[in-house]
Amino acid sequence: MDAESRIRIFMMPRRFPCGPQSSCCGPVGQTVEEIQALKTAIETQLGYGVEIIDATQGSQMRDYRSILDLVRTFGQTALPIITIGDEVASIGPTSPKEVVSVIKLKTAKK
C-alpha cells in the first residue's frame, strides 16, 4: 500500500474520568475490542494494513495537526477518526460494516 492510501485509526483508550463507580459521568473513549473489530474488518475485507494511533499521546500526534484540530473542535466524541492517507474517511463511533463501506467508496474514487 502506498502512503496515499495508508489507513489510520486515531482513537482514545476507554477511560472513566470520574472513576469507574462514579454516577456523574460514563466512560469515554473506545475499548480495545471496538478498535480491534474496526481494524480486523478493514484488513480482512479490504486487504489494507491499518495503523492504530492513540490520539491522547502527544508524541504520536505531532504530525497530525488536522486530527488534533478535529478533536479540539468536536471533543472526544469525534473519536475514533479513520483516515485514508491525509483524507478523513470517518469521524466518531461507527460499525465495522459502515467503515468498510466508506473506505470502499473513498478508494474507488481514486
Protein backbone atom coordinates (compact mmCIF):
# COMPACT_ATOMS: atom_id res chain seq x y z
CA MET A 1 0.00 0.00 0.00
CA ASP A 2 1.34 3.43 -0.85
CA ALA A 3 1.44 6.36 1.56
CA GLU A 4 -1.63 7.97 -0.06
CA SER A 5 -3.85 5.03 0.83
CA ARG A 6 -2.48 4.26 4.29
CA ILE A 7 -5.34 3.72 6.71
CA ARG A 8 -5.06 5.02 10.26
CA ILE A 9 -7.44 4.78 13.19
CA PHE A 10 -6.99 7.62 15.69
CA MET A 11 -8.52 6.55 18.98
CA MET A 12 -8.64 7.21 22.69
CA PRO A 13 -8.42 4.26 25.09
CA ARG A 14 -11.54 3.75 27.23
CA ARG A 15 -11.37 5.77 30.46
CA PHE A 16 -13.57 6.64 33.37
CA PRO A 17 -12.86 10.35 34.06
CA CYS A 18 -14.76 10.40 37.35
CA GLY A 19 -13.82 6.85 38.37
CA PRO A 20 -15.35 3.52 37.31
CA GLN A 21 -18.03 3.56 40.00
CA SER A 22 -18.97 7.24 39.63
CA SER A 23 -22.54 8.18 38.76
CA CYS A 24 -21.71 11.66 37.41
CA CYS A 25 -20.42 10.60 34.01
CA GLY A 26 -19.89 7.50 31.97
CA PRO A 27 -16.86 6.13 30.22
CA VAL A 28 -15.18 7.94 27.33
CA GLY A 29 -13.05 6.52 24.53
CA GLN A 30 -13.03 3.20 22.77
CA THR A 31 -12.49 -0.30 24.08
CA VAL A 32 -9.73 -2.49 22.73
CA GLU A 33 -12.44 -4.75 21.29
CA GLU A 34 -14.12 -1.89 19.38
CA ILE A 35 -10.87 -0.77 17.77
CA GLN A 36 -9.79 -4.34 17.03
CA ALA A 37 -13.13 -5.02 15.30
CA LEU A 38 -12.62 -1.97 13.03
CA LYS A 39 -9.02 -2.96 12.28
CA THR A 40 -9.89 -6.59 11.57
CA ALA A 41 -12.79 -5.66 9.27
CA ILE A 42 -10.62 -3.30 7.23
CA GLU A 43 -7.74 -5.76 6.97
CA THR A 44 -9.77 -8.88 6.19
CA GLN A 45 -12.46 -7.40 3.96
CA LEU A 46 -10.35 -4.84 2.11
CA GLY A 47 -6.81 -6.17 2.41
CA TYR A 48 -5.34 -2.91 3.76
CA GLY A 49 -2.93 -2.66 6.64
CA VAL A 50 -4.15 -0.45 9.48
CA GLU A 51 -2.15 1.69 11.86
CA ILE A 52 -3.74 2.48 15.23
CA ILE A 53 -2.71 5.76 16.85
CA ASP A 54 -3.57 6.82 20.39
CA ALA A 55 -4.75 10.42 19.95
CA THR A 56 -4.04 11.16 23.61
CA GLN A 57 -0.30 10.64 23.16
CA GLY A 58 1.17 14.00 22.13
CA SER A 59 4.34 12.42 20.78
CA GLN A 60 2.33 10.25 18.37
CA MET A 61 0.15 13.17 17.25
CA ARG A 62 2.90 15.63 16.36
CA ASP A 63 2.46 15.01 12.61
CA TYR A 64 -1.34 15.02 12.62
CA ARG A 65 -2.36 18.62 13.25
CA SER A 66 -5.63 18.27 11.29
CA ILE A 67 -6.72 15.37 13.52
CA LEU A 68 -5.90 17.36 16.64
CA ASP A 69 -7.97 20.25 15.26
CA LEU A 70 -10.95 17.92 14.80
CA VAL A 71 -10.65 16.66 18.37
CA ARG A 72 -10.33 20.20 19.70
CA THR A 73 -13.38 21.29 17.71
CA PHE A 74 -15.69 18.33 18.34
CA GLY A 75 -14.22 16.90 21.54
CA GLN A 76 -13.74 13.27 22.43
CA THR A 77 -16.90 12.27 20.58
CA ALA A 78 -15.02 12.79 17.30
CA LEU A 79 -13.00 9.65 18.04
CA PRO A 80 -12.34 7.26 16.52
CA ILE A 81 -11.25 9.14 13.41
CA ILE A 82 -10.34 6.99 10.43
CA THR A 83 -8.17 8.37 7.64
CA ILE A 84 -7.04 7.18 4.25
CA GLY A 85 -3.76 8.93 3.57
CA ASP A 86 -4.41 12.52 4.62
CA GLU A 87 -8.16 12.38 3.97
CA VAL A 88 -10.66 11.84 6.80
CA ALA A 89 -12.97 8.95 5.98
CA SER A 90 -14.94 8.65 9.22
CA ILE A 91 -15.46 10.64 12.40
CA GLY A 92 -17.00 9.27 15.57
CA PRO A 93 -18.25 5.85 16.59
CA THR A 94 -19.34 3.64 13.72
CA SER A 95 -19.74 -0.03 12.94
CA PRO A 96 -17.10 -2.05 11.11
CA LYS A 97 -19.59 -2.62 8.28
CA GLU A 98 -20.09 1.15 7.81
CA VAL A 99 -16.34 1.81 7.89
CA VAL A 100 -15.68 -0.83 5.23
CA SER A 101 -18.39 0.72 3.00
CA VAL A 102 -16.97 4.23 3.39
CA ILE A 103 -13.43 3.08 2.63
CA LYS A 104 -14.64 1.21 -0.46
CA LEU A 105 -16.34 4.38 -1.71
CA LYS A 106 -13.33 6.61 -0.96
CA THR A 107 -10.78 4.27 -2.55
CA ALA A 108 -12.95 3.63 -5.63
CA LYS A 109 -12.86 7.35 -6.46
CA LYS A 110 -9.07 7.40 -6.70
